[in-house]
Every structure is written in C-alpha cells, then in structure tokens.
C-alpha cells in the first residue's frame, strides 16, 4: 500500500492573489477552471480578485501548489516573534546570476526580502515572505536543473 503527496496547500486571505504571485514566480498550468479572471470580468463583492475559495496549479516540474481562502491569517514573524512559520517553500537555482534574477522577479511580484545570505559561499540564498506573509527561500544548489535531484 502506497500513499502519495498530492500537493502543498497555502492559506491566504485572497487565494487568487497568492496563487497569481507563485504562478508568476514559477509558472505552470492552472487546474481546469482555476484560471484567473479575464479582463472585463467583474471583481468579487468581498473585494478579492474573484472570491475564489481554492486555486491550484502544477509547476513545470510537476509540483502541485494549491491556495485556500481563509477569513484571517496572521503574518508569520519568523525567525522571531509570537507567530512561527508553519511551513515554507524552498526553490533552487543553478548559480548566483540566476539567484539575483529570481530575487528581482520575486520582489517585483510582491515578495519582501527578510534575510540576504547571497554572499554565503557554502549556500547562497535569500529568505522572502510572499504577499500573504509566508516565508520561502530561493537558493543556489547543485543539480537545480534536475527537479528530481536532492
């Protein structure tokens, strides 16, 4: 008997907006029916992009990410403070040039850099928070071009 991990789910006050952030960062394919609204569509009455309760997409590497709407989400204060991170995502790139490209892209999409370890010769990385406050990392790793590598 085998159990399989289907996807990683992140809570957000605006599931569509957070899905759009990560989709902009890594790309992929939305689950049928989860595609974003088209220009001219009416916004949701509650002020969110479209009021979506659940949005999912598959990255080009085949990883499924899903985003679930919640009424309230306290921002993680990690590494210090009263609200610890519950989960974080790690993304890897092949070299320092790609690290800088993806840092700039993440920030342009709405991420905030909370720790800059890009000069670390052992493991260059950035720690960010996404627009909903979830921490995530982008780091240089050997084998980054192979999504099955550890």
C-alpha atoms as a PDB file:
ATOM      1  CA  UNK A   1       0.000   0.000   0.000  1.00  0.00           C
ATOM      2  CA  UNK A   2       1.409   3.407  -1.015  1.00  0.00           C
ATOM      3  CA  UNK A   3       0.407   6.907  -0.046  1.00  0.00           C
ATOM      4  CA  UNK A   4       1.221   9.817  -2.377  1.00  0.00           C
ATOM      5  CA  UNK A   5       1.569  13.506  -1.575  1.00  0.00           C
ATOM      6  CA  UNK A   6      -0.878  15.289  -3.879  1.00  0.00           C
ATOM      7  CA  UNK A   7       0.025  18.942  -3.308  1.00  0.00           C
ATOM      8  CA  UNK A   8       1.139  21.619  -0.877  1.00  0.00           C
ATOM      9  CA  UNK A   9      -1.635  23.993   0.202  1.00  0.00           C
ATOM     10  CA  UNK A  10      -1.069  27.525   1.472  1.00  0.00           C
ATOM     11  CA  UNK A  11      -3.731  29.509   3.313  1.00  0.00           C
ATOM     12  CA  UNK A  12      -4.381  33.095   2.228  1.00  0.00           C
ATOM     13  CA  UNK A  13      -6.961  35.794   2.749  1.00  0.00           C
ATOM     14  CA  UNK A  14      -7.020  36.134  -1.060  1.00  0.00           C
ATOM     15  CA  UNK A  15      -6.358  32.706  -2.600  1.00  0.00           C
ATOM     16  CA  UNK A  16      -6.362  34.059  -6.150  1.00  0.00           C
ATOM     17  CA  UNK A  17      -3.808  36.778  -5.417  1.00  0.00           C
ATOM     18  CA  UNK A  18      -1.400  34.395  -3.692  1.00  0.00           C
ATOM     19  CA  UNK A  19      -1.779  31.814  -6.475  1.00  0.00           C
ATOM     20  CA  UNK A  20      -1.039  34.552  -9.003  1.00  0.00           C
ATOM     21  CA  UNK A  21       2.110  35.507  -7.082  1.00  0.00           C
ATOM     22  CA  UNK A  22       3.515  31.961  -7.111  1.00  0.00           C
ATOM     23  CA  UNK A  23       2.348  31.345 -10.687  1.00  0.00           C
ATOM     24  CA  UNK A  24       4.249  34.495 -11.699  1.00  0.00           C
ATOM     25  CA  UNK A  25       7.318  33.244  -9.832  1.00  0.00           C
ATOM     26  CA  UNK A  26       7.467  29.661 -11.146  1.00  0.00           C
ATOM     27  CA  UNK A  27       4.918  29.377 -13.982  1.00  0.00           C
ATOM     28  CA  UNK A  28       2.940  26.276 -14.792  1.00  0.00           C
ATOM     29  CA  UNK A  29      -0.577  25.242 -15.694  1.00  0.00           C
ATOM     30  CA  UNK A  30      -3.713  26.070 -13.737  1.00  0.00           C
ATOM     31  CA  UNK A  31      -6.100  23.270 -12.849  1.00  0.00           C
ATOM     32  CA  UNK A  32      -9.007  23.424 -15.311  1.00  0.00           C
ATOM     33  CA  UNK A  33     -11.479  26.003 -14.016  1.00  0.00           C
ATOM     34  CA  UNK A  34      -8.906  27.727 -11.784  1.00  0.00           C
ATOM     35  CA  UNK A  35      -7.571  30.067 -14.456  1.00  0.00           C
ATOM     36  CA  UNK A  36      -7.583  33.764 -13.496  1.00  0.00           C
ATOM     37  CA  UNK A  37     -10.446  36.039 -14.493  1.00  0.00           C
ATOM     38  CA  UNK A  38     -10.271  37.586 -17.917  1.00  0.00           C
ATOM     39  CA  UNK A  39     -10.049  41.352 -18.438  1.00  0.00           C
ATOM     40  CA  UNK A  40     -13.508  42.846 -18.046  1.00  0.00           C
ATOM     41  CA  UNK A  41     -14.773  40.218 -15.567  1.00  0.00           C
ATOM     42  CA  UNK A  42     -16.471  41.704 -12.506  1.00  0.00           C
ATOM     43  CA  UNK A  43     -14.479  41.642  -9.219  1.00  0.00           C
ATOM     44  CA  UNK A  44     -15.931  39.724  -6.275  1.00  0.00           C
ATOM     45  CA  UNK A  45     -18.240  41.584  -3.884  1.00  0.00           C
ATOM     46  CA  UNK A  46     -15.832  40.979  -0.981  1.00  0.00           C
ATOM     47  CA  UNK A  47     -13.006  42.910  -2.677  1.00  0.00           C
ATOM     48  CA  UNK A  48     -10.826  39.896  -3.517  1.00  0.00           C
ATOM     49  CA  UNK A  49      -9.812  39.300  -7.111  1.00  0.00           C
ATOM     50  CA  UNK A  50     -12.606  36.826  -7.773  1.00  0.00           C
ATOM     51  CA  UNK A  51     -13.669  35.402  -4.412  1.00  0.00           C
ATOM     52  CA  UNK A  52     -12.039  32.043  -5.178  1.00  0.00           C
ATOM     53  CA  UNK A  53     -12.062  29.668  -2.210  1.00  0.00           C
ATOM     54  CA  UNK A  54      -9.464  27.355  -3.769  1.00  0.00           C
ATOM     55  CA  UNK A  55      -6.984  27.793  -6.627  1.00  0.00           C
ATOM     56  CA  UNK A  56      -4.458  25.190  -7.786  1.00  0.00           C
ATOM     57  CA  UNK A  57      -1.779  24.879 -10.428  1.00  0.00           C
ATOM     58  CA  UNK A  58       1.004  22.497 -11.401  1.00  0.00           C
ATOM     59  CA  UNK A  59       4.532  23.878 -11.826  1.00  0.00           C
ATOM     60  CA  UNK A  60       6.599  22.990 -14.904  1.00  0.00           C
ATOM     61  CA  UNK A  61       8.444  20.462 -12.671  1.00  0.00           C
ATOM     62  CA  UNK A  62       5.117  18.764 -11.863  1.00  0.00           C
ATOM     63  CA  UNK A  63       4.726  20.065  -8.290  1.00  0.00           C
ATOM     64  CA  UNK A  64       1.143  20.913  -7.372  1.00  0.00           C
ATOM     65  CA  UNK A  65       0.538  24.064  -5.352  1.00  0.00           C
ATOM     66  CA  UNK A  66      -2.889  24.993  -4.031  1.00  0.00           C
ATOM     67  CA  UNK A  67      -4.182  28.069  -2.244  1.00  0.00           C
ATOM     68  CA  UNK A  68      -7.105  28.013   0.181  1.00  0.00           C
ATOM     69  CA  UNK A  69      -9.017  31.090   1.241  1.00  0.00           C
ATOM     70  CA  UNK A  70      -9.269  31.792   4.972  1.00  0.00           C
ATOM     71  CA  UNK A  71     -11.000  34.659   6.751  1.00  0.00           C
ATOM     72  CA  UNK A  72      -7.900  35.812   8.634  1.00  0.00           C
ATOM     73  CA  UNK A  73      -4.242  34.879   8.505  1.00  0.00           C
ATOM     74  CA  UNK A  74      -1.732  36.335  10.968  1.00  0.00           C
ATOM     75  CA  UNK A  75       1.595  37.004   9.234  1.00  0.00           C
ATOM     76  CA  UNK A  76       4.491  34.824  10.360  1.00  0.00           C
ATOM     77  CA  UNK A  77       7.016  36.731  12.470  1.00  0.00           C
ATOM     78  CA  UNK A  78       9.732  34.118  11.905  1.00  0.00           C
ATOM     79  CA  UNK A  79      12.502  33.901  12.885  1.00  0.00           C
ATOM     80  CA  UNK A  80      11.478  35.882  15.981  1.00  0.00           C
ATOM     81  CA  UNK A  81       8.151  36.813  17.492  1.00  0.00           C
ATOM     82  CA  UNK A  82       4.908  35.189  18.508  1.00  0.00           C
ATOM     83  CA  UNK A  83       3.790  33.756  15.117  1.00  0.00           C
ATOM     84  CA  UNK A  84       6.113  30.976  13.914  1.00  0.00           C
ATOM     85  CA  UNK A  85       6.246  29.787  10.349  1.00  0.00           C
ATOM     86  CA  UNK A  86       4.224  26.629   9.910  1.00  0.00           C
ATOM     87  CA  UNK A  87       5.689  25.708   6.544  1.00  0.00           C
ATOM     88  CA  UNK A  88       7.937  27.261   3.939  1.00  0.00           C
ATOM     89  CA  UNK A  89       8.758  26.529   0.321  1.00  0.00           C
ATOM     90  CA  UNK A  90      12.315  26.110  -0.982  1.00  0.00           C
ATOM     91  CA  UNK A  91      13.165  26.943  -4.588  1.00  0.00           C
ATOM     92  CA  UNK A  92      16.584  26.197  -6.079  1.00  0.00           C
ATOM     93  CA  UNK A  93      18.540  27.811  -8.902  1.00  0.00           C
ATOM     94  CA  UNK A  94      21.767  26.833 -10.631  1.00  0.00           C
ATOM     95  CA  UNK A  95      24.026  29.812  -9.903  1.00  0.00           C
ATOM     96  CA  UNK A  96      24.440  33.285  -8.388  1.00  0.00           C
ATOM     97  CA  UNK A  97      23.289  35.040 -11.569  1.00  0.00           C
ATOM     98  CA  UNK A  98      20.005  33.104 -11.551  1.00  0.00           C
ATOM     99  CA  UNK A  99      19.649  33.776  -7.824  1.00  0.00           C
ATOM    100  CA  UNK A 100      19.797  37.522  -8.496  1.00  0.00           C
ATOM    101  CA  UNK A 101      17.372  37.267 -11.443  1.00  0.00           C
ATOM    102  CA  UNK A 102      14.834  35.390  -9.322  1.00  0.00           C
ATOM    103  CA  UNK A 103      15.318  37.724  -6.350  1.00  0.00           C
ATOM    104  CA  UNK A 104      14.454  40.666  -8.565  1.00  0.00           C
ATOM    105  CA  UNK A 105      11.481  38.804 -10.061  1.00  0.00           C
ATOM    106  CA  UNK A 106      10.149  37.747  -6.651  1.00  0.00           C
ATOM    107  CA  UNK A 107      10.381  41.318  -5.348  1.00  0.00           C
ATOM    108  CA  UNK A 108       8.702  42.697  -8.480  1.00  0.00           C
ATOM    109  CA  UNK A 109       5.824  40.268  -7.879  1.00  0.00           C
ATOM    110  CA  UNK A 110       5.367  41.473  -4.276  1.00  0.00           C
ATOM    111  CA  UNK A 111       7.795  39.414  -2.170  1.00  0.00           C
ATOM    112  CA  UNK A 112       9.818  41.000   0.620  1.00  0.00           C
ATOM    113  CA  UNK A 113      13.433  40.021   1.304  1.00  0.00           C
ATOM    114  CA  UNK A 114      13.759  39.243   5.022  1.00  0.00           C
ATOM    115  CA  UNK A 115      17.235  37.673   5.009  1.00  0.00           C
ATOM    116  CA  UNK A 116      20.029  38.137   2.475  1.00  0.00           C
ATOM    117  CA  UNK A 117      22.639  35.371   2.581  1.00  0.00           C
ATOM    118  CA  UNK A 118      23.528  35.733  -1.100  1.00  0.00           C
ATOM    119  CA  UNK A 119      27.226  36.187  -0.315  1.00  0.00           C
ATOM    120  CA  UNK A 120      27.486  32.883   1.598  1.00  0.00           C
ATOM    121  CA  UNK A 121      29.944  30.723  -0.371  1.00  0.00           C
ATOM    122  CA  UNK A 122      28.566  27.489   1.125  1.00  0.00           C
ATOM    123  CA  UNK A 123      24.902  28.137   0.290  1.00  0.00           C
ATOM    124  CA  UNK A 124      23.923  31.455  -1.259  1.00  0.00           C
ATOM    125  CA  UNK A 125      20.257  32.202  -0.573  1.00  0.00           C
ATOM    126  CA  UNK A 126      17.531  34.723   0.067  1.00  0.00           C
ATOM    127  CA  UNK A 127      14.677  34.304   2.511  1.00  0.00           C
ATOM    128  CA  UNK A 128      11.498  36.121   1.479  1.00  0.00           C
ATOM    129  CA  UNK A 129       7.928  36.490   2.597  1.00  0.00           C
ATOM    130  CA  UNK A 130       5.231  36.234  -0.040  1.00  0.00           C
ATOM    131  CA  UNK A 131       2.421  38.819  -0.183  1.00  0.00           C
ATOM    132  CA  UNK A 132       0.420  36.825   2.413  1.00  0.00           C
ATOM    133  CA  UNK A 133       3.406  36.630   4.786  1.00  0.00           C
ATOM    134  CA  UNK A 134       4.537  33.010   4.222  1.00  0.00           C
ATOM    135  CA  UNK A 135       8.329  32.631   4.293  1.00  0.00           C
ATOM    136  CA  UNK A 136      10.045  30.997   1.309  1.00  0.00           C
ATOM    137  CA  UNK A 137      13.639  30.617   0.146  1.00  0.00           C
ATOM    138  CA  UNK A 138      15.477  30.725  -3.138  1.00  0.00           C
ATOM    139  CA  UNK A 139      18.975  29.262  -3.010  1.00  0.00           C
ATOM    140  CA  UNK A 140      21.811  28.097  -5.222  1.00  0.00           C
ATOM    141  CA  UNK A 141      22.040  24.314  -5.336  1.00  0.00           C
ATOM    142  CA  UNK A 142      23.935  21.760  -7.347  1.00  0.00           C
ATOM    143  CA  UNK A 143      21.531  19.873  -9.595  1.00  0.00           C
ATOM    144  CA  UNK A 144      18.996  22.712  -9.690  1.00  0.00           C
ATOM    145  CA  UNK A 145      18.307  21.970 -13.346  1.00  0.00           C
ATOM    146  CA  UNK A 146      17.106  18.475 -12.374  1.00  0.00           C
ATOM    147  CA  UNK A 147      13.865  18.699 -10.303  1.00  0.00           C
ATOM    148  CA  UNK A 148      14.382  15.109  -9.122  1.00  0.00           C
ATOM    149  CA  UNK A 149      17.814  15.895  -7.594  1.00  0.00           C
ATOM    150  CA  UNK A 150      18.210  16.379  -3.854  1.00  0.00           C
END
